[in-house]
Amino acid sequence: MLFRVDPAAPVPLADQIAAQVRGGVVRGELTPGERLPPARELAGVLEVNLHTVLRAYARLRDEGLIELRRGRGAVVRGDADANRLRVVELARAFVDEARRLGLAEPEMLAMIKEVKP
């Protein structure tokens, strides 16, 4: 998988990296058990600070998408669910846009409850 970042984008670099991994899982480009590039190597290729990549990997670990193991690096978890991940991405986009528009959390929740199945 090819990683790219846009230093001029308003999105933090670590978030861009994490989003690319999420997208790779959703699209099936990254499969359970697949290793991600070592953080140091990816930082060098992208010309970003090592801690930026580590921050992205830590976020993905906290989301339950990857495992970080000393000596093995970052690996896509076997139970990574692409469908759930897609819904989380859509929810994240909704929350980001709602915040940009000045909506508070109760207003967001009310909007979600209004959606009919």
PDB file of N, CA and C in Angstrom:
ATOM      1  N   MET A   1       0.841  -1.179   0.000  1.00  0.00           N
ATOM      2  CA  MET A   1       0.000   0.000   0.000  1.00  0.00           C
ATOM      3  C   MET A   1       0.884   1.240   0.000  1.00  0.00           C
ATOM      4  N   LEU A   2       0.506   2.204  -0.790  1.00  0.00           N
ATOM      5  CA  LEU A   2       1.262   3.443  -0.917  1.00  0.00           C
ATOM      6  C   LEU A   2       0.681   4.489   0.029  1.00  0.00           C
ATOM      7  N   PHE A   3       1.536   5.079   0.843  1.00  0.00           N
ATOM      8  CA  PHE A   3       1.120   6.118   1.778  1.00  0.00           C
ATOM      9  C   PHE A   3       1.528   7.466   1.231  1.00  0.00           C
ATOM     10  N   ARG A   4       0.644   8.463   1.435  1.00  0.00           N
ATOM     11  CA  ARG A   4       0.942   9.838   1.039  1.00  0.00           C
ATOM     12  C   ARG A   4       0.408  10.772   2.108  1.00  0.00           C
ATOM     13  N   VAL A   5       1.086  11.885   2.278  1.00  0.00           N
ATOM     14  CA  VAL A   5       0.595  12.938   3.168  1.00  0.00           C
ATOM     15  C   VAL A   5       0.693  14.264   2.446  1.00  0.00           C
ATOM     16  N   ASP A   6      -0.168  15.184   2.856  1.00  0.00           N
ATOM     17  CA  ASP A   6      -0.155  16.529   2.297  1.00  0.00           C
ATOM     18  C   ASP A   6       0.117  17.499   3.436  1.00  0.00           C
ATOM     19  N   PRO A   7       1.382  17.969   3.544  1.00  0.00           N
ATOM     20  CA  PRO A   7       1.724  18.880   4.632  1.00  0.00           C
ATOM     21  C   PRO A   7       0.913  20.174   4.623  1.00  0.00           C
ATOM     22  N   ALA A   8       0.352  20.550   3.482  1.00  0.00           N
ATOM     23  CA  ALA A   8      -0.418  21.790   3.382  1.00  0.00           C
ATOM     24  C   ALA A   8      -1.880  21.607   3.785  1.00  0.00           C
ATOM     25  N   ALA A   9      -2.314  20.372   3.945  1.00  0.00           N
ATOM     26  CA  ALA A   9      -3.710  20.102   4.308  1.00  0.00           C
ATOM     27  C   ALA A   9      -3.973  20.524   5.751  1.00  0.00           C
ATOM     28  N   PRO A  10      -5.217  20.896   6.056  1.00  0.00           N
ATOM     29  CA  PRO A  10      -5.540  21.293   7.427  1.00  0.00           C
ATOM     30  C   PRO A  10      -5.608  20.100   8.396  1.00  0.00           C
ATOM     31  N   VAL A  11      -5.618  18.891   7.856  1.00  0.00           N
ATOM     32  CA  VAL A  11      -5.685  17.675   8.674  1.00  0.00           C
ATOM     33  C   VAL A  11      -4.283  17.332   9.162  1.00  0.00           C
ATOM     34  N   PRO A  12      -4.115  17.079  10.472  1.00  0.00           N
ATOM     35  CA  PRO A  12      -2.795  16.720  10.983  1.00  0.00           C
ATOM     36  C   PRO A  12      -2.220  15.494  10.269  1.00  0.00           C
ATOM     37  N   LEU A  13      -0.907  15.468  10.123  1.00  0.00           N
ATOM     38  CA  LEU A  13      -0.248  14.389   9.388  1.00  0.00           C
ATOM     39  C   LEU A  13      -0.547  13.015   9.981  1.00  0.00           C
ATOM     40  N   ALA A  14      -0.556  12.898  11.298  1.00  0.00           N
ATOM     41  CA  ALA A  14      -0.848  11.604  11.929  1.00  0.00           C
ATOM     42  C   ALA A  14      -2.256  11.144  11.572  1.00  0.00           C
ATOM     43  N   ASP A  15      -3.197  12.073  11.519  1.00  0.00           N
ATOM     44  CA  ASP A  15      -4.570  11.730  11.140  1.00  0.00           C
ATOM     45  C   ASP A  15      -4.640  11.289   9.683  1.00  0.00           C
ATOM     46  N   GLN A  16      -3.840  11.917   8.817  1.00  0.00           N
ATOM     47  CA  GLN A  16      -3.806  11.519   7.410  1.00  0.00           C
ATOM     48  C   GLN A  16      -3.294  10.081   7.277  1.00  0.00           C
ATOM     49  N   ILE A  17      -2.249   9.756   8.018  1.00  0.00           N
ATOM     50  CA  ILE A  17      -1.677   8.405   7.957  1.00  0.00           C
ATOM     51  C   ILE A  17      -2.691   7.388   8.471  1.00  0.00           C
ATOM     52  N   ALA A  18      -3.301   7.673   9.618  1.00  0.00           N
ATOM     53  CA  ALA A  18      -4.288   6.759  10.189  1.00  0.00           C
ATOM     54  C   ALA A  18      -5.462   6.560   9.233  1.00  0.00           C
ATOM     55  N   ALA A  19      -5.916   7.632   8.606  1.00  0.00           N
ATOM     56  CA  ALA A  19      -7.035   7.539   7.664  1.00  0.00           C
ATOM     57  C   ALA A  19      -6.690   6.660   6.470  1.00  0.00           C
ATOM     58  N   GLN A  20      -5.451   6.722   6.022  1.00  0.00           N
ATOM     59  CA  GLN A  20      -5.051   5.890   4.896  1.00  0.00           C
ATOM     60  C   GLN A  20      -5.060   4.409   5.265  1.00  0.00           C
ATOM     61  N   VAL A  21      -4.652   4.100   6.489  1.00  0.00           N
ATOM     62  CA  VAL A  21      -4.693   2.704   6.933  1.00  0.00           C
ATOM     63  C   VAL A  21      -6.146   2.250   7.036  1.00  0.00           C
ATOM     64  N   ARG A  22      -6.997   3.075   7.643  1.00  0.00           N
ATOM     65  CA  ARG A  22      -8.414   2.724   7.740  1.00  0.00           C
ATOM     66  C   ARG A  22      -9.005   2.478   6.357  1.00  0.00           C
ATOM     67  N   GLY A  23      -8.713   3.380   5.443  1.00  0.00           N
ATOM     68  CA  GLY A  23      -9.211   3.236   4.075  1.00  0.00           C
ATOM     69  C   GLY A  23      -8.703   1.972   3.409  1.00  0.00           C
ATOM     70  N   GLY A  24      -7.448   1.635   3.664  1.00  0.00           N
ATOM     71  CA  GLY A  24      -6.880   0.407   3.101  1.00  0.00           C
ATOM     72  C   GLY A  24      -7.599  -0.830   3.595  1.00  0.00           C
ATOM     73  N   VAL A  25      -8.002  -0.823   4.861  1.00  0.00           N
ATOM     74  CA  VAL A  25      -8.749  -1.960   5.413  1.00  0.00           C
ATOM     75  C   VAL A  25     -10.140  -2.011   4.786  1.00  0.00           C
ATOM     76  N   VAL A  26     -10.814  -0.873   4.706  1.00  0.00           N
ATOM     77  CA  VAL A  26     -12.162  -0.823   4.145  1.00  0.00           C
ATOM     78  C   VAL A  26     -12.160  -1.290   2.688  1.00  0.00           C
ATOM     79  N   ARG A  27     -11.163  -0.879   1.929  1.00  0.00           N
ATOM     80  CA  ARG A  27     -11.088  -1.251   0.510  1.00  0.00           C
ATOM     81  C   ARG A  27     -10.535  -2.656   0.288  1.00  0.00           C
ATOM     82  N   GLY A  28     -10.066  -3.299   1.344  1.00  0.00           N
ATOM     83  CA  GLY A  28      -9.508  -4.641   1.210  1.00  0.00           C
ATOM     84  C   GLY A  28      -8.061  -4.658   0.761  1.00  0.00           C
ATOM     85  N   GLU A  29      -7.420  -3.490   0.724  1.00  0.00           N
ATOM     86  CA  GLU A  29      -6.007  -3.418   0.342  1.00  0.00           C
ATOM     87  C   GLU A  29      -5.113  -3.919   1.472  1.00  0.00           C
ATOM     88  N   LEU A  30      -5.589  -3.789   2.698  1.00  0.00           N
ATOM     89  CA  LEU A  30      -4.893  -4.308   3.871  1.00  0.00           C
ATOM     90  C   LEU A  30      -5.780  -5.387   4.486  1.00  0.00           C
ATOM     91  N   THR A  31      -5.211  -6.542   4.717  1.00  0.00           N
ATOM     92  CA  THR A  31      -5.984  -7.666   5.229  1.00  0.00           C
ATOM     93  C   THR A  31      -5.506  -8.041   6.626  1.00  0.00           C
ATOM     94  N   PRO A  32      -6.359  -8.732   7.386  1.00  0.00           N
ATOM     95  CA  PRO A  32      -5.957  -9.164   8.722  1.00  0.00           C
ATOM     96  C   PRO A  32      -4.636  -9.934   8.685  1.00  0.00           C
ATOM     97  N   GLY A  33      -3.769  -9.601   9.621  1.00  0.00           N
ATOM     98  CA  GLY A  33      -2.461 -10.242   9.708  1.00  0.00           C
ATOM     99  C   GLY A  33      -1.377  -9.553   8.908  1.00  0.00           C
ATOM    100  N   GLU A  34      -1.768  -8.620   8.060  1.00  0.00           N
ATOM    101  CA  GLU A  34      -0.782  -7.928   7.228  1.00  0.00           C
ATOM    102  C   GLU A  34      -0.013  -6.907   8.063  1.00  0.00           C
ATOM    103  N   ARG A  35       1.278  -6.839   7.809  1.00  0.00           N
ATOM    104  CA  ARG A  35       2.134  -5.886   8.522  1.00  0.00           C
ATOM    105  C   ARG A  35       2.124  -4.533   7.841  1.00  0.00           C
ATOM    106  N   LEU A  36       2.131  -3.516   8.668  1.00  0.00           N
ATOM    107  CA  LEU A  36       2.296  -2.156   8.165  1.00  0.00           C
ATOM    108  C   LEU A  36       3.797  -1.873   8.121  1.00  0.00           C
ATOM    109  N   PRO A  37       4.194  -0.879   7.354  1.00  0.00           N
ATOM    110  CA  PRO A  37       5.624  -0.545   7.308  1.00  0.00           C
ATOM    111  C   PRO A  37       6.129  -0.151   8.695  1.00  0.00           C
ATOM    112  N   PRO A  38       7.375  -0.489   9.009  1.00  0.00           N
ATOM    113  CA  PRO A  38       7.940  -0.034  10.283  1.00  0.00           C
ATOM    114  C   PRO A  38       7.837   1.488  10.384  1.00  0.00           C
ATOM    115  N   ALA A  39       7.557   1.978  11.574  1.00  0.00           N
ATOM    116  CA  ALA A  39       7.340   3.416  11.779  1.00  0.00           C
ATOM    117  C   ALA A  39       8.523   4.241  11.295  1.00  0.00           C
ATOM    118  N   ARG A  40       9.718   3.805  11.607  1.00  0.00           N
ATOM    119  CA  ARG A  40      10.913   4.562  11.209  1.00  0.00           C
ATOM    120  C   ARG A  40      11.024   4.625   9.678  1.00  0.00           C
ATOM    121  N   GLU A  41      10.756   3.507   9.032  1.00  0.00           N
ATOM    122  CA  GLU A  41      10.830   3.455   7.566  1.00  0.00           C
ATOM    123  C   GLU A  41       9.767   4.353   6.937  1.00  0.00           C
ATOM    124  N   LEU A  42       8.526   4.264   7.436  1.00  0.00           N
ATOM    125  CA  LEU A  42       7.440   5.078   6.891  1.00  0.00           C
ATOM    126  C   LEU A  42       7.712   6.566   7.112  1.00  0.00           C
ATOM    127  N   ALA A  43       8.225   6.910   8.279  1.00  0.00           N
ATOM    128  CA  ALA A  43       8.560   8.313   8.551  1.00  0.00           C
ATOM    129  C   ALA A  43       9.593   8.815   7.551  1.00  0.00           C
ATOM    130  N   GLY A  44      10.584   7.992   7.243  1.00  0.00           N
ATOM    131  CA  GLY A  44      11.609   8.390   6.279  1.00  0.00           C
ATOM    132  C   GLY A  44      11.046   8.581   4.889  1.00  0.00           C
ATOM    133  N   VAL A  45      10.198   7.647   4.456  1.00  0.00           N
ATOM    134  CA  VAL A  45       9.606   7.727   3.115  1.00  0.00           C
ATOM    135  C   VAL A  45       8.704   8.956   2.992  1.00  0.00           C
ATOM    136  N   LEU A  46       7.910   9.214   4.040  1.00  0.00           N
ATOM    137  CA  LEU A  46       6.977  10.340   4.001  1.00  0.00           C
ATOM    138  C   LEU A  46       7.625  11.669   4.377  1.00  0.00           C
ATOM    139  N   GLU A  47       8.863  11.593   4.856  1.00  0.00           N
ATOM    140  CA  GLU A  47       9.589  12.778   5.311  1.00  0.00           C
ATOM    141  C   GLU A  47       8.837  13.498   6.426  1.00  0.00           C
ATOM    142  N   VAL A  48       8.398  12.687   7.411  1.00  0.00           N
ATOM    143  CA  VAL A  48       7.744  13.229   8.597  1.00  0.00           C
ATOM    144  C   VAL A  48       8.503  12.742   9.831  1.00  0.00           C
ATOM    145  N   ASN A  49       8.210  13.329  10.954  1.00  0.00           N
ATOM    146  CA  ASN A  49       8.839  12.941  12.206  1.00  0.00           C
ATOM    147  C   ASN A  49       8.380  11.536  12.599  1.00  0.00           C
ATOM    148  N   LEU A  50       9.269  10.752  13.162  1.00  0.00           N
ATOM    149  CA  LEU A  50       8.953   9.396  13.611  1.00  0.00           C
ATOM    150  C   LEU A  50       7.758   9.402  14.559  1.00  0.00           C
ATOM    151  N   HIS A  51       7.685  10.394  15.427  1.00  0.00           N
ATOM    152  CA  HIS A  51       6.596  10.450  16.400  1.00  0.00           C
ATOM    153  C   HIS A  51       5.235  10.685  15.744  1.00  0.00           C
ATOM    154  N   THR A  52       5.234  11.280  14.563  1.00  0.00           N
ATOM    155  CA  THR A  52       3.989  11.458  13.821  1.00  0.00           C
ATOM    156  C   THR A  52       3.428  10.098  13.428  1.00  0.00           C
ATOM    157  N   VAL A  53       4.278   9.229  12.904  1.00  0.00           N
ATOM    158  CA  VAL A  53       3.843   7.885  12.520  1.00  0.00           C
ATOM    159  C   VAL A  53       3.450   7.096  13.766  1.00  0.00           C
ATOM    160  N   LEU A  54       4.233   7.205  14.811  1.00  0.00           N
ATOM    161  CA  LEU A  54       3.912   6.489  16.048  1.00  0.00           C
ATOM    162  C   LEU A  54       2.570   6.942  16.613  1.00  0.00           C
ATOM    163  N   ARG A  55       2.260   8.228  16.496  1.00  0.00           N
ATOM    164  CA  ARG A  55       0.970   8.753  16.953  1.00  0.00           C
ATOM    165  C   ARG A  55      -0.168   8.141  16.135  1.00  0.00           C
ATOM    166  N   ALA A  56       0.031   8.044  14.823  1.00  0.00           N
ATOM    167  CA  ALA A  56      -0.989   7.435  13.954  1.00  0.00           C
ATOM    168  C   ALA A  56      -1.186   5.969  14.322  1.00  0.00           C
ATOM    169  N   TYR A  57      -0.100   5.243  14.501  1.00  0.00           N
ATOM    170  CA  TYR A  57      -0.186   3.830  14.855  1.00  0.00           C
ATOM    171  C   TYR A  57      -0.839   3.648  16.224  1.00  0.00           C
ATOM    172  N   ALA A  58      -0.528   4.512  17.177  1.00  0.00           N
ATOM    173  CA  ALA A  58      -1.137   4.415  18.510  1.00  0.00           C
ATOM    174  C   ALA A  58      -2.644   4.651  18.426  1.00  0.00           C
ATOM    175  N   ARG A  59      -3.053   5.601  17.615  1.00  0.00           N
ATOM    176  CA  ARG A  59      -4.482   5.882  17.442  1.00  0.00           C
ATOM    177  C   ARG A  59      -5.191   4.656  16.855  1.00  0.00           C
ATOM    178  N   LEU A  60      -4.565   4.031  15.850  1.00  0.00           N
ATOM    179  CA  LEU A  60      -5.148   2.845  15.228  1.00  0.00           C
ATOM    180  C   LEU A  60      -5.203   1.681  16.217  1.00  0.00           C
ATOM    181  N   ARG A  61      -4.198   1.577  17.075  1.00  0.00           N
ATOM    182  CA  ARG A  61      -4.202   0.551  18.122  1.00  0.00           C
ATOM    183  C   ARG A  61      -5.352   0.803  19.091  1.00  0.00           C
ATOM    184  N   ASP A  62      -5.521   2.052  19.498  1.00  0.00           N
ATOM    185  CA  ASP A  62      -6.588   2.396  20.432  1.00  0.00           C
ATOM    186  C   ASP A  62      -7.967   2.141  19.829  1.00  0.00           C
ATOM    187  N   GLU A  63      -8.081   2.245  18.518  1.00  0.00           N
ATOM    188  CA  GLU A  63      -9.342   1.975  17.828  1.00  0.00           C
ATOM    189  C   GLU A  63      -9.577   0.480  17.639  1.00  0.00           C
ATOM    190  N   GLY A  64      -8.561  -0.328  17.952  1.00  0.00           N
ATOM    191  CA  GLY A  64      -8.693  -1.776  17.811  1.00  0.00           C
ATOM    192  C   GLY A  64      -8.438  -2.281  16.411  1.00  0.00           C
ATOM    193  N   LEU A  65      -7.840  -1.458  15.568  1.00  0.00           N
ATOM    194  CA  LEU A  65      -7.610  -1.853  14.183  1.00  0.00           C
ATOM    195  C   LEU A  65      -6.287  -2.587  13.993  1.00  0.00           C
ATOM    196  N   ILE A  66      -5.266  -2.191  14.746  1.00  0.00           N
ATOM    197  CA  ILE A  66      -3.963  -2.838  14.611  1.00  0.00           C
ATOM    198  C   ILE A  66      -3.445  -3.260  15.982  1.00  0.00           C
ATOM    199  N   GLU A  67      -2.470  -4.152  15.953  1.00  0.00           N
ATOM    200  CA  GLU A  67      -1.739  -4.538  17.153  1.00  0.00           C
ATOM    201  C   GLU A  67      -0.332  -4.014  16.998  1.00  0.00           C
ATOM    202  N   LEU A  68       0.236  -3.537  18.080  1.00  0.00           N
ATOM    203  CA  LEU A  68       1.629  -3.106  18.086  1.00  0.00           C
ATOM    204  C   LEU A  68       2.390  -4.061  18.990  1.00  0.00           C
ATOM    205  N   ARG A  69       3.357  -4.748  18.410  1.00  0.00           N
ATOM    206  CA  ARG A  69       4.144  -5.692  19.189  1.00  0.00           C
ATOM    207  C   ARG A  69       5.620  -5.411  18.982  1.00  0.00           C
ATOM    208  N   ARG A  70       6.318  -5.383  20.086  1.00  0.00           N
ATOM    209  CA  ARG A  70       7.758  -5.150  20.026  1.00  0.00           C
ATOM    210  C   ARG A  70       8.401  -6.261  19.193  1.00  0.00           C
ATOM    211  N   GLY A  71       9.175  -5.874  18.209  1.00  0.00           N
ATOM    212  CA  GLY A  71       9.850  -6.841  17.355  1.00  0.00           C
ATOM    213  C   GLY A  71       9.040  -7.266  16.147  1.00  0.00           C
ATOM    214  N   ARG A  72       7.705  -7.160  16.210  1.00  0.00           N
ATOM    215  CA  ARG A  72       6.844  -7.520  15.080  1.00  0.00           C
ATOM    216  C   ARG A  72       6.308  -6.295  14.365  1.00  0.00           C
ATOM    217  N   GLY A  73       6.277  -5.184  15.063  1.00  0.00           N
ATOM    218  CA  GLY A  73       5.766  -3.956  14.464  1.00  0.00           C
ATOM    219  C   GLY A  73       4.254  -3.868  14.511  1.00  0.00           C
ATOM    220  N   ALA A  74       3.693  -3.162  13.554  1.00  0.00           N
ATOM    221  CA  ALA A  74       2.251  -2.932  13.488  1.00  0.00           C
ATOM    222  C   ALA A  74       1.631  -3.938  12.536  1.00  0.00           C
ATOM    223  N   VAL A  75       0.611  -4.634  13.033  1.00  0.00           N
ATOM    224  CA  VAL A  75      -0.055  -5.673  12.251  1.00  0.00           C
ATOM    225  C   VAL A  75      -1.558  -5.432  12.304  1.00  0.00           C
ATOM    226  N   VAL A  76      -2.230  -5.568  11.147  1.00  0.00           N
ATOM    227  CA  VAL A  76      -3.688  -5.434  11.103  1.00  0.00           C
ATOM    228  C   VAL A  76      -4.287  -6.595  11.897  1.00  0.00           C
ATOM    229  N   ARG A  77      -5.161  -6.266  12.821  1.00  0.00           N
ATOM    230  CA  ARG A  77      -5.756  -7.295  13.677  1.00  0.00           C
ATOM    231  C   ARG A  77      -6.604  -8.262  12.872  1.00  0.00           C
ATOM    232  N   GLY A  78      -6.624  -9.482  13.329  1.00  0.00           N
ATOM    233  CA  GLY A  78      -7.400 -10.521  12.663  1.00  0.00           C
ATOM    234  C   GLY A  78      -8.892 -10.281  12.729  1.00  0.00           C
ATOM    235  N   ASP A  79      -9.340  -9.565  13.752  1.00  0.00           N
ATOM    236  CA  ASP A  79     -10.767  -9.302  13.903  1.00  0.00           C
ATOM    237  C   ASP A  79     -11.156  -7.910  13.418  1.00  0.00           C
ATOM    238  N   ALA A  80     -10.292  -7.289  12.623  1.00  0.00           N
ATOM    239  CA  ALA A  80     -10.604  -5.964  12.080  1.00  0.00           C
ATOM    240  C   ALA A  80     -11.826  -6.090  11.170  1.00  0.00           C
ATOM    241  N   ASP A  81     -12.856  -5.342  11.459  1.00  0.00           N
ATOM    242  CA  ASP A  81     -14.118  -5.415  10.733  1.00  0.00           C
ATOM    243  C   ASP A  81     -14.241  -4.200   9.807  1.00  0.00           C
ATOM    244  N   ALA A  82     -14.099  -4.448   8.515  1.00  0.00           N
ATOM    245  CA  ALA A  82     -14.127  -3.359   7.538  1.00  0.00           C
ATOM    246  C   ALA A  82     -15.473  -2.643   7.514  1.00  0.00           C
ATOM    247  N   ASN A  83     -16.565  -3.393   7.702  1.00  0.00           N
ATOM    248  CA  ASN A  83     -17.891  -2.758   7.680  1.00  0.00           C
ATOM    249  C   ASN A  83     -18.071  -1.826   8.873  1.00  0.00           C
ATOM    250  N   ARG A  84     -17.687  -2.284  10.049  1.00  0.00           N
ATOM    251  CA  ARG A  84     -17.789  -1.437  11.237  1.00  0.00           C
ATOM    252  C   ARG A  84     -16.891  -0.216  11.082  1.00  0.00           C
ATOM    253  N   LEU A  85     -15.712  -0.446  10.550  1.00  0.00           N
ATOM    254  CA  LEU A  85     -14.767   0.643  10.348  1.00  0.00           C
ATOM    255  C   LEU A  85     -15.347   1.698   9.418  1.00  0.00           C
ATOM    256  N   ARG A  86     -16.047   1.278   8.380  1.00  0.00           N
ATOM    257  CA  ARG A  86     -16.664   2.218   7.434  1.00  0.00           C
ATOM    258  C   ARG A  86     -17.703   3.089   8.144  1.00  0.00           C
ATOM    259  N   VAL A  87     -18.497   2.464   9.008  1.00  0.00           N
ATOM    260  CA  VAL A  87     -19.509   3.215   9.750  1.00  0.00           C
ATOM    261  C   VAL A  87     -18.842   4.206  10.701  1.00  0.00           C
ATOM    262  N   VAL A  88     -17.763   3.790  11.345  1.00  0.00           N
ATOM    263  CA  VAL A  88     -17.029   4.688  12.242  1.00  0.00           C
ATOM    264  C   VAL A  88     -16.484   5.880  11.452  1.00  0.00           C
ATOM    265  N   GLU A  89     -15.957   5.627  10.266  1.00  0.00           N
ATOM    266  CA  GLU A  89     -15.443   6.717   9.424  1.00  0.00           C
ATOM    267  C   GLU A  89     -16.562   7.700   9.063  1.00  0.00           C
ATOM    268  N   LEU A  90     -17.731   7.168   8.710  1.00  0.00           N
ATOM    269  CA  LEU A  90     -18.865   8.041   8.384  1.00  0.00           C
ATOM    270  C   LEU A  90     -19.301   8.848   9.609  1.00  0.00           C
ATOM    271  N   ALA A  91     -19.314   8.204  10.767  1.00  0.00           N
ATOM    272  CA  ALA A  91     -19.681   8.906  12.004  1.00  0.00           C
ATOM    273  C   ALA A  91     -18.672  10.002  12.307  1.00  0.00           C
ATOM    274  N   ARG A  92     -17.401   9.705  12.111  1.00  0.00           N
ATOM    275  CA  ARG A  92     -16.355  10.700  12.361  1.00  0.00           C
ATOM    276  C   ARG A  92     -16.542  11.904  11.426  1.00  0.00           C
ATOM    277  N   ALA A  93     -16.853  11.641  10.171  1.00  0.00           N
ATOM    278  CA  ALA A  93     -17.071  12.733   9.215  1.00  0.00           C
ATOM    279  C   ALA A  93     -18.287  13.573   9.622  1.00  0.00           C
ATOM    280  N   PHE A  94     -19.346  12.899  10.075  1.00  0.00           N
ATOM    281  CA  PHE A  94     -20.543  13.602  10.530  1.00  0.00           C
ATOM    282  C   PHE A  94     -20.219  14.518  11.711  1.00  0.00           C
ATOM    283  N   VAL A  95     -19.513  13.980  12.705  1.00  0.00           N
ATOM    284  CA  VAL A  95     -19.177  14.756  13.900  1.00  0.00           C
ATOM    285  C   VAL A  95     -18.282  15.934  13.535  1.00  0.00           C
ATOM    286  N   ASP A  96     -17.293  15.701  12.680  1.00  0.00           N
ATOM    287  CA  ASP A  96     -16.397  16.785  12.266  1.00  0.00           C
ATOM    288  C   ASP A  96     -17.177  17.908  11.582  1.00  0.00           C
ATOM    289  N   GLU A  97     -18.079  17.539  10.675  1.00  0.00           N
ATOM    290  CA  GLU A  97     -18.860  18.554   9.963  1.00  0.00           C
ATOM    291  C   GLU A  97     -19.825  19.262  10.910  1.00  0.00           C
ATOM    292  N   ALA A  98     -20.459  18.518  11.799  1.00  0.00           N
ATOM    293  CA  ALA A  98     -21.393  19.122  12.751  1.00  0.00           C
ATOM    294  C   ALA A  98     -20.667  20.112  13.665  1.00  0.00           C
ATOM    295  N   ARG A  99     -19.478  19.747  14.114  1.00  0.00           N
ATOM    296  CA  ARG A  99     -18.699  20.663  14.957  1.00  0.00           C
ATOM    297  C   ARG A  99     -18.302  21.906  14.178  1.00  0.00           C
ATOM    298  N   ARG A 100     -17.930  21.696  12.914  1.00  0.00           N
ATOM    299  CA  ARG A 100     -17.548  22.831  12.073  1.00  0.00           C
ATOM    300  C   ARG A 100     -18.719  23.811  11.940  1.00  0.00           C
ATOM    301  N   LEU A 101     -19.933  23.269  11.943  1.00  0.00           N
ATOM    302  CA  LEU A 101     -21.130  24.095  11.828  1.00  0.00           C
ATOM    303  C   LEU A 101     -21.604  24.631  13.178  1.00  0.00           C
ATOM    304  N   GLY A 102     -20.897  24.270  14.251  1.00  0.00           N
ATOM    305  CA  GLY A 102     -21.216  24.803  15.560  1.00  0.00           C
ATOM    306  C   GLY A 102     -22.262  24.023  16.340  1.00  0.00           C
ATOM    307  N   LEU A 103     -22.565  22.802  15.933  1.00  0.00           N
ATOM    308  CA  LEU A 103     -23.551  22.005  16.652  1.00  0.00           C
ATOM    309  C   LEU A 103     -22.932  21.362  17.882  1.00  0.00           C
ATOM    310  N   ALA A 104     -23.699  21.304  18.961  1.00  0.00           N
ATOM    311  CA  ALA A 104     -23.253  20.659  20.194  1.00  0.00           C
ATOM    312  C   ALA A 104     -23.628  19.181  20.146  1.00  0.00           C
ATOM    313  N   GLU A 105     -23.023  18.395  21.033  1.00  0.00           N
ATOM    314  CA  GLU A 105     -23.258  16.955  21.048  1.00  0.00           C
ATOM    315  C   GLU A 105     -24.739  16.588  21.190  1.00  0.00           C
ATOM    316  N   PRO A 106     -25.495  17.237  22.086  1.00  0.00           N
ATOM    317  CA  PRO A 106     -26.924  16.885  22.182  1.00  0.00           C
ATOM    318  C   PRO A 106     -27.673  17.093  20.864  1.00  0.00           C
ATOM    319  N   GLU A 107     -27.310  18.147  20.135  1.00  0.00           N
ATOM    320  CA  GLU A 107     -27.951  18.391  18.839  1.00  0.00           C
ATOM    321  C   GLU A 107     -27.595  17.298  17.838  1.00  0.00           C
ATOM    322  N   MET A 108     -26.332  16.852  17.869  1.00  0.00           N
ATOM    323  CA  MET A 108     -25.908  15.776  16.976  1.00  0.00           C
ATOM    324  C   MET A 108     -26.678  14.498  17.283  1.00  0.00           C
ATOM    325  N   LEU A 109     -26.778  14.166  18.567  1.00  0.00           N
ATOM    326  CA  LEU A 109     -27.493  12.951  18.964  1.00  0.00           C
ATOM    327  C   LEU A 109     -28.961  13.020  18.565  1.00  0.00           C
ATOM    328  N   ALA A 110     -29.560  14.184  18.716  1.00  0.00           N
ATOM    329  CA  ALA A 110     -30.956  14.351  18.329  1.00  0.00           C
ATOM    330  C   ALA A 110     -31.125  14.126  16.822  1.00  0.00           C
ATOM    331  N   MET A 111     -30.186  14.625  16.040  1.00  0.00           N
ATOM    332  CA  MET A 111     -30.246  14.426  14.587  1.00  0.00           C
ATOM    333  C   MET A 111     -30.166  12.947  14.241  1.00  0.00           C
ATOM    334  N   ILE A 112     -29.272  12.234  14.913  1.00  0.00           N
ATOM    335  CA  ILE A 112     -29.103  10.801  14.642  1.00  0.00           C
ATOM    336  C   ILE A 112     -30.388  10.046  14.995  1.00  0.00           C
ATOM    337  N   LYS A 113     -31.021  10.426  16.101  1.00  0.00           N
ATOM    338  CA  LYS A 113     -32.274   9.757  16.519  1.00  0.00           C
ATOM    339  C   LYS A 113     -33.410  10.016  15.535  1.00  0.00           C
ATOM    340  N   GLU A 114     -33.334  11.140  14.814  1.00  0.00           N
ATOM    341  CA  GLU A 114     -34.374  11.475  13.843  1.00  0.00           C
ATOM    342  C   GLU A 114     -34.285  10.624  12.585  1.00  0.00           C
ATOM    343  N   VAL A 115     -33.120  10.059  12.318  1.00  0.00           N
ATOM    344  CA  VAL A 115     -32.937   9.266  11.098  1.00  0.00           C
ATOM    345  C   VAL A 115     -33.768   7.999  11.190  1.00  0.00           C
ATOM    346  N   LYS A 116     -34.586   7.783  10.188  1.00  0.00           N
ATOM    347  CA  LYS A 116     -35.465   6.614  10.155  1.00  0.00           C
ATOM    348  C   LYS A 116     -34.772   5.472   9.402  1.00  0.00           C
ATOM    349  N   PRO A 117     -34.882   4.242   9.944  1.00  0.00           N
ATOM    350  CA  PRO A 117     -34.278   3.097   9.246  1.00  0.00           C
ATOM    351  C   PRO A 117     -35.002   2.742   7.964  1.00  0.00           C
TER     352      PRO A 117
END
